[in-house]
Amino acid sequence: MSQPTETEFVQSPCVSVCKLTADRAYCIGCLRTLEEIRGWKHMDAGQKRALLADLENRQSAAAE
């Protein structure tokens, strides 16, 4: 099995529920910060995968 390359396509976590929390800390749909949303198109595949892992942790923490 080959390792993923840094140029491979990584699906955006956007779920088209684009609304920020009252304190503008993050999007209630995808849990990304404004900086993360803006920076997505400039991230390489490794950075995107790392962010997706962080988002999973945020989702788990929010569910507690």
PDB file of N, CA and C in Angstrom:
ATOM      1  N   MET A   1       0.847  -1.175   0.000  1.00  0.00           N
ATOM      2  CA  MET A   1       0.000   0.000   0.000  1.00  0.00           C
ATOM      3  C   MET A   1       0.895   1.241   0.000  1.00  0.00           C
ATOM      4  N   SER A   2       0.663   2.170  -0.877  1.00  0.00           N
ATOM      5  CA  SER A   2       1.516   3.343  -0.984  1.00  0.00           C
ATOM      6  C   SER A   2       1.098   4.419   0.011  1.00  0.00           C
ATOM      7  N   GLN A   3       2.073   5.235   0.378  1.00  0.00           N
ATOM      8  CA  GLN A   3       1.816   6.349   1.286  1.00  0.00           C
ATOM      9  C   GLN A   3       1.159   7.480   0.510  1.00  0.00           C
ATOM     10  N   PRO A   4       0.233   8.227   1.156  1.00  0.00           N
ATOM     11  CA  PRO A   4      -0.395   9.355   0.475  1.00  0.00           C
ATOM     12  C   PRO A   4       0.632  10.441   0.190  1.00  0.00           C
ATOM     13  N   THR A   5       0.461  11.134  -0.900  1.00  0.00           N
ATOM     14  CA  THR A   5       1.374  12.212  -1.254  1.00  0.00           C
ATOM     15  C   THR A   5       0.843  13.539  -0.726  1.00  0.00           C
ATOM     16  N   GLU A   6       1.711  14.527  -0.653  1.00  0.00           N
ATOM     17  CA  GLU A   6       1.323  15.831  -0.137  1.00  0.00           C
ATOM     18  C   GLU A   6       0.456  16.599  -1.131  1.00  0.00           C
ATOM     19  N   THR A   7       0.348  16.113  -2.376  1.00  0.00           N
ATOM     20  CA  THR A   7      -0.454  16.814  -3.376  1.00  0.00           C
ATOM     21  C   THR A   7      -1.816  16.171  -3.589  1.00  0.00           C
ATOM     22  N   GLU A   8      -2.100  15.085  -2.877  1.00  0.00           N
ATOM     23  CA  GLU A   8      -3.386  14.420  -3.071  1.00  0.00           C
ATOM     24  C   GLU A   8      -4.533  15.308  -2.589  1.00  0.00           C
ATOM     25  N   PHE A   9      -5.711  15.053  -3.135  1.00  0.00           N
ATOM     26  CA  PHE A   9      -6.903  15.815  -2.772  1.00  0.00           C
ATOM     27  C   PHE A   9      -7.395  15.372  -1.409  1.00  0.00           C
ATOM     28  N   VAL A  10      -7.686  16.337  -0.540  1.00  0.00           N
ATOM     29  CA  VAL A  10      -8.272  16.066   0.767  1.00  0.00           C
ATOM     30  C   VAL A  10      -9.582  16.835   0.830  1.00  0.00           C
ATOM     31  N   GLN A  11     -10.672  16.128   1.070  1.00  0.00           N
ATOM     32  CA  GLN A  11     -12.007  16.726   1.101  1.00  0.00           C
ATOM     33  C   GLN A  11     -12.130  17.735   2.235  1.00  0.00           C
ATOM     34  N   SER A  12     -12.706  18.872   1.946  1.00  0.00           N
ATOM     35  CA  SER A  12     -12.944  19.907   2.947  1.00  0.00           C
ATOM     36  C   SER A  12     -13.947  19.412   3.989  1.00  0.00           C
ATOM     37  N   PRO A  13     -13.770  19.810   5.244  1.00  0.00           N
ATOM     38  CA  PRO A  13     -14.730  19.427   6.279  1.00  0.00           C
ATOM     39  C   PRO A  13     -16.009  20.269   6.268  1.00  0.00           C
ATOM     40  N   CYS A  14     -16.122  21.211   5.361  1.00  0.00           N
ATOM     41  CA  CYS A  14     -17.293  22.076   5.287  1.00  0.00           C
ATOM     42  C   CYS A  14     -18.546  21.237   5.059  1.00  0.00           C
ATOM     43  N   VAL A  15     -19.587  21.538   5.857  1.00  0.00           N
ATOM     44  CA  VAL A  15     -20.868  20.838   5.722  1.00  0.00           C
ATOM     45  C   VAL A  15     -21.975  21.804   5.327  1.00  0.00           C
ATOM     46  N   SER A  16     -21.581  22.972   4.824  1.00  0.00           N
ATOM     47  CA  SER A  16     -22.506  24.011   4.349  1.00  0.00           C
ATOM     48  C   SER A  16     -23.446  24.528   5.437  1.00  0.00           C
ATOM     49  N   VAL A  17     -22.974  24.520   6.665  1.00  0.00           N
ATOM     50  CA  VAL A  17     -23.670  25.144   7.788  1.00  0.00           C
ATOM     51  C   VAL A  17     -22.701  26.215   8.294  1.00  0.00           C
ATOM     52  N   CYS A  18     -22.610  27.277   7.539  1.00  0.00           N
ATOM     53  CA  CYS A  18     -21.576  28.286   7.765  1.00  0.00           C
ATOM     54  C   CYS A  18     -22.079  29.394   8.675  1.00  0.00           C
ATOM     55  N   LYS A  19     -21.901  29.176   9.965  1.00  0.00           N
ATOM     56  CA  LYS A  19     -22.304  30.168  10.959  1.00  0.00           C
ATOM     57  C   LYS A  19     -21.306  30.098  12.102  1.00  0.00           C
ATOM     58  N   LEU A  20     -20.813  31.271  12.499  1.00  0.00           N
ATOM     59  CA  LEU A  20     -19.852  31.315  13.587  1.00  0.00           C
ATOM     60  C   LEU A  20     -20.557  31.336  14.936  1.00  0.00           C
ATOM     61  N   THR A  21     -19.847  30.844  15.945  1.00  0.00           N
ATOM     62  CA  THR A  21     -20.362  30.931  17.308  1.00  0.00           C
ATOM     63  C   THR A  21     -20.473  32.401  17.684  1.00  0.00           C
ATOM     64  N   ALA A  22     -21.215  32.702  18.737  1.00  0.00           N
ATOM     65  CA  ALA A  22     -21.427  34.090  19.161  1.00  0.00           C
ATOM     66  C   ALA A  22     -20.113  34.816  19.422  1.00  0.00           C
ATOM     67  N   ASP A  23     -19.119  34.099  19.931  1.00  0.00           N
ATOM     68  CA  ASP A  23     -17.823  34.730  20.191  1.00  0.00           C
ATOM     69  C   ASP A  23     -16.887  34.680  18.979  1.00  0.00           C
ATOM     70  N   ARG A  24     -17.404  34.187  17.856  1.00  0.00           N
ATOM     71  CA  ARG A  24     -16.671  34.090  16.598  1.00  0.00           C
ATOM     72  C   ARG A  24     -15.423  33.207  16.715  1.00  0.00           C
ATOM     73  N   ALA A  25     -15.482  32.247  17.643  1.00  0.00           N
ATOM     74  CA  ALA A  25     -14.345  31.358  17.862  1.00  0.00           C
ATOM     75  C   ALA A  25     -14.203  30.319  16.751  1.00  0.00           C
ATOM     76  N   TYR A  26     -15.328  29.776  16.284  1.00  0.00           N
ATOM     77  CA  TYR A  26     -15.287  28.748  15.246  1.00  0.00           C
ATOM     78  C   TYR A  26     -16.645  28.610  14.569  1.00  0.00           C
ATOM     79  N   CYS A  27     -16.662  27.913  13.448  1.00  0.00           N
ATOM     80  CA  CYS A  27     -17.888  27.642  12.690  1.00  0.00           C
ATOM     81  C   CYS A  27     -18.655  26.508  13.377  1.00  0.00           C
ATOM     82  N   ILE A  28     -19.952  26.677  13.543  1.00  0.00           N
ATOM     83  CA  ILE A  28     -20.737  25.624  14.198  1.00  0.00           C
ATOM     84  C   ILE A  28     -20.920  24.399  13.303  1.00  0.00           C
ATOM     85  N   GLY A  29     -20.711  24.559  12.003  1.00  0.00           N
ATOM     86  CA  GLY A  29     -20.864  23.434  11.083  1.00  0.00           C
ATOM     87  C   GLY A  29     -19.644  22.528  11.027  1.00  0.00           C
ATOM     88  N   CYS A  30     -18.477  23.128  10.830  1.00  0.00           N
ATOM     89  CA  CYS A  30     -17.267  22.319  10.635  1.00  0.00           C
ATOM     90  C   CYS A  30     -16.277  22.410  11.791  1.00  0.00           C
ATOM     91  N   LEU A  31     -16.531  23.292  12.741  1.00  0.00           N
ATOM     92  CA  LEU A  31     -15.691  23.495  13.924  1.00  0.00           C
ATOM     93  C   LEU A  31     -14.331  24.129  13.621  1.00  0.00           C
ATOM     94  N   ARG A  32     -14.162  24.652  12.409  1.00  0.00           N
ATOM     95  CA  ARG A  32     -12.897  25.326  12.097  1.00  0.00           C
ATOM     96  C   ARG A  32     -12.953  26.787  12.534  1.00  0.00           C
ATOM     97  N   THR A  33     -11.770  27.332  12.852  1.00  0.00           N
ATOM     98  CA  THR A  33     -11.665  28.760  13.133  1.00  0.00           C
ATOM     99  C   THR A  33     -11.668  29.506  11.807  1.00  0.00           C
ATOM    100  N   LEU A  34     -11.849  30.819  11.872  1.00  0.00           N
ATOM    101  CA  LEU A  34     -11.792  31.614  10.639  1.00  0.00           C
ATOM    102  C   LEU A  34     -10.436  31.468   9.954  1.00  0.00           C
ATOM    103  N   GLU A  35      -9.366  31.459  10.731  1.00  0.00           N
ATOM    104  CA  GLU A  35      -8.028  31.295  10.146  1.00  0.00           C
ATOM    105  C   GLU A  35      -7.907  29.954   9.428  1.00  0.00           C
ATOM    106  N   GLU A  36      -8.449  28.903  10.019  1.00  0.00           N
ATOM    107  CA  GLU A  36      -8.389  27.584   9.395  1.00  0.00           C
ATOM    108  C   GLU A  36      -9.225  27.531   8.128  1.00  0.00           C
ATOM    109  N   ILE A  37     -10.374  28.178   8.142  1.00  0.00           N
ATOM    110  CA  ILE A  37     -11.222  28.210   6.949  1.00  0.00           C
ATOM    111  C   ILE A  37     -10.503  28.954   5.824  1.00  0.00           C
ATOM    112  N   ARG A  38      -9.974  30.124   6.149  1.00  0.00           N
ATOM    113  CA  ARG A  38      -9.252  30.920   5.135  1.00  0.00           C
ATOM    114  C   ARG A  38      -8.011  30.205   4.627  1.00  0.00           C
ATOM    115  N   GLY A  39      -7.318  29.511   5.516  1.00  0.00           N
ATOM    116  CA  GLY A  39      -6.059  28.883   5.153  1.00  0.00           C
ATOM    117  C   GLY A  39      -6.176  27.553   4.442  1.00  0.00           C
ATOM    118  N   TRP A  40      -7.370  26.942   4.439  1.00  0.00           N
ATOM    119  CA  TRP A  40      -7.551  25.598   3.874  1.00  0.00           C
ATOM    120  C   TRP A  40      -6.974  25.488   2.463  1.00  0.00           C
ATOM    121  N   LYS A  41      -7.265  26.446   1.613  1.00  0.00           N
ATOM    122  CA  LYS A  41      -6.829  26.337   0.211  1.00  0.00           C
ATOM    123  C   LYS A  41      -5.314  26.460   0.057  1.00  0.00           C
ATOM    124  N   HIS A  42      -4.638  26.927   1.085  1.00  0.00           N
ATOM    125  CA  HIS A  42      -3.183  27.084   1.023  1.00  0.00           C
ATOM    126  C   HIS A  42      -2.446  25.951   1.728  1.00  0.00           C
ATOM    127  N   MET A  43      -3.168  25.063   2.399  1.00  0.00           N
ATOM    128  CA  MET A  43      -2.550  23.951   3.121  1.00  0.00           C
ATOM    129  C   MET A  43      -2.217  22.821   2.165  1.00  0.00           C
ATOM    130  N   ASP A  44      -1.134  22.106   2.483  1.00  0.00           N
ATOM    131  CA  ASP A  44      -0.847  20.904   1.707  1.00  0.00           C
ATOM    132  C   ASP A  44      -1.662  19.755   2.314  1.00  0.00           C
ATOM    133  N   ALA A  45      -1.631  18.603   1.678  1.00  0.00           N
ATOM    134  CA  ALA A  45      -2.464  17.473   2.101  1.00  0.00           C
ATOM    135  C   ALA A  45      -2.153  17.045   3.534  1.00  0.00           C
ATOM    136  N   GLY A  46      -0.899  17.069   3.920  1.00  0.00           N
ATOM    137  CA  GLY A  46      -0.524  16.688   5.280  1.00  0.00           C
ATOM    138  C   GLY A  46      -1.099  17.635   6.315  1.00  0.00           C
ATOM    139  N   GLN A  47      -1.054  18.918   6.033  1.00  0.00           N
ATOM    140  CA  GLN A  47      -1.621  19.910   6.944  1.00  0.00           C
ATOM    141  C   GLN A  47      -3.135  19.743   7.045  1.00  0.00           C
ATOM    142  N   LYS A  48      -3.772  19.453   5.923  1.00  0.00           N
ATOM    143  CA  LYS A  48      -5.217  19.256   5.924  1.00  0.00           C
ATOM    144  C   LYS A  48      -5.602  18.027   6.737  1.00  0.00           C
ATOM    145  N   ARG A  49      -4.853  16.935   6.579  1.00  0.00           N
ATOM    146  CA  ARG A  49      -5.140  15.725   7.356  1.00  0.00           C
ATOM    147  C   ARG A  49      -4.935  15.975   8.854  1.00  0.00           C
ATOM    148  N   ALA A  50      -3.913  16.749   9.197  1.00  0.00           N
ATOM    149  CA  ALA A  50      -3.665  17.078  10.602  1.00  0.00           C
ATOM    150  C   ALA A  50      -4.820  17.910  11.163  1.00  0.00           C
ATOM    151  N   LEU A  51      -5.311  18.857  10.385  1.00  0.00           N
ATOM    152  CA  LEU A  51      -6.442  19.667  10.827  1.00  0.00           C
ATOM    153  C   LEU A  51      -7.690  18.802  10.988  1.00  0.00           C
ATOM    154  N   LEU A  52      -7.915  17.890  10.062  1.00  0.00           N
ATOM    155  CA  LEU A  52      -9.083  17.001  10.174  1.00  0.00           C
ATOM    156  C   LEU A  52      -9.010  16.176  11.457  1.00  0.00           C
ATOM    157  N   ALA A  53      -7.815  15.735  11.838  1.00  0.00           N
ATOM    158  CA  ALA A  53      -7.648  14.993  13.095  1.00  0.00           C
ATOM    159  C   ALA A  53      -7.962  15.899  14.282  1.00  0.00           C
ATOM    160  N   ASP A  54      -7.504  17.153  14.231  1.00  0.00           N
ATOM    161  CA  ASP A  54      -7.816  18.110  15.296  1.00  0.00           C
ATOM    162  C   ASP A  54      -9.321  18.332  15.393  1.00  0.00           C
ATOM    163  N   LEU A  55      -9.988  18.413  14.244  1.00  0.00           N
ATOM    164  CA  LEU A  55     -11.429  18.634  14.251  1.00  0.00           C
ATOM    165  C   LEU A  55     -12.171  17.469  14.889  1.00  0.00           C
ATOM    166  N   GLU A  56     -11.683  16.253  14.674  1.00  0.00           N
ATOM    167  CA  GLU A  56     -12.294  15.088  15.318  1.00  0.00           C
ATOM    168  C   GLU A  56     -12.186  15.209  16.835  1.00  0.00           C
ATOM    169  N   ASN A  57     -11.019  15.673  17.313  1.00  0.00           N
ATOM    170  CA  ASN A  57     -10.826  15.868  18.754  1.00  0.00           C
ATOM    171  C   ASN A  57     -11.741  16.964  19.275  1.00  0.00           C
ATOM    172  N   ARG A  58     -11.905  18.049  18.519  1.00  0.00           N
ATOM    173  CA  ARG A  58     -12.797  19.126  18.942  1.00  0.00           C
ATOM    174  C   ARG A  58     -14.232  18.630  19.034  1.00  0.00           C
ATOM    175  N   GLN A  59     -14.621  17.815  18.047  1.00  0.00           N
ATOM    176  CA  GLN A  59     -15.985  17.284  18.042  1.00  0.00           C
ATOM    177  C   GLN A  59     -16.210  16.390  19.253  1.00  0.00           C
ATOM    178  N   SER A  60     -15.231  15.557  19.569  1.00  0.00           N
ATOM    179  CA  SER A  60     -15.339  14.675  20.733  1.00  0.00           C
ATOM    180  C   SER A  60     -15.419  15.492  22.014  1.00  0.00           C
ATOM    181  N   ALA A  61     -14.599  16.522  22.130  1.00  0.00           N
ATOM    182  CA  ALA A  61     -14.603  17.370  23.321  1.00  0.00           C
ATOM    183  C   ALA A  61     -15.919  18.131  23.456  1.00  0.00           C
ATOM    184  N   ALA A  62     -16.478  18.565  22.338  1.00  0.00           N
ATOM    185  CA  ALA A  62     -17.743  19.297  22.366  1.00  0.00           C
ATOM    186  C   ALA A  62     -18.901  18.393  22.765  1.00  0.00           C
ATOM    187  N   ALA A  63     -18.789  17.107  22.467  1.00  0.00           N
ATOM    188  CA  ALA A  63     -19.867  16.168  22.777  1.00  0.00           C
ATOM    189  C   ALA A  63     -19.894  15.791  24.253  1.00  0.00           C
ATOM    190  N   GLU A  64     -18.805  16.056  24.970  1.00  0.00           N
ATOM    191  CA  GLU A  64     -18.735  15.676  26.393  1.00  0.00           C
ATOM    192  C   GLU A  64     -19.501  16.619  27.268  1.00  0.00           C
TER     193      GLU A  64
END
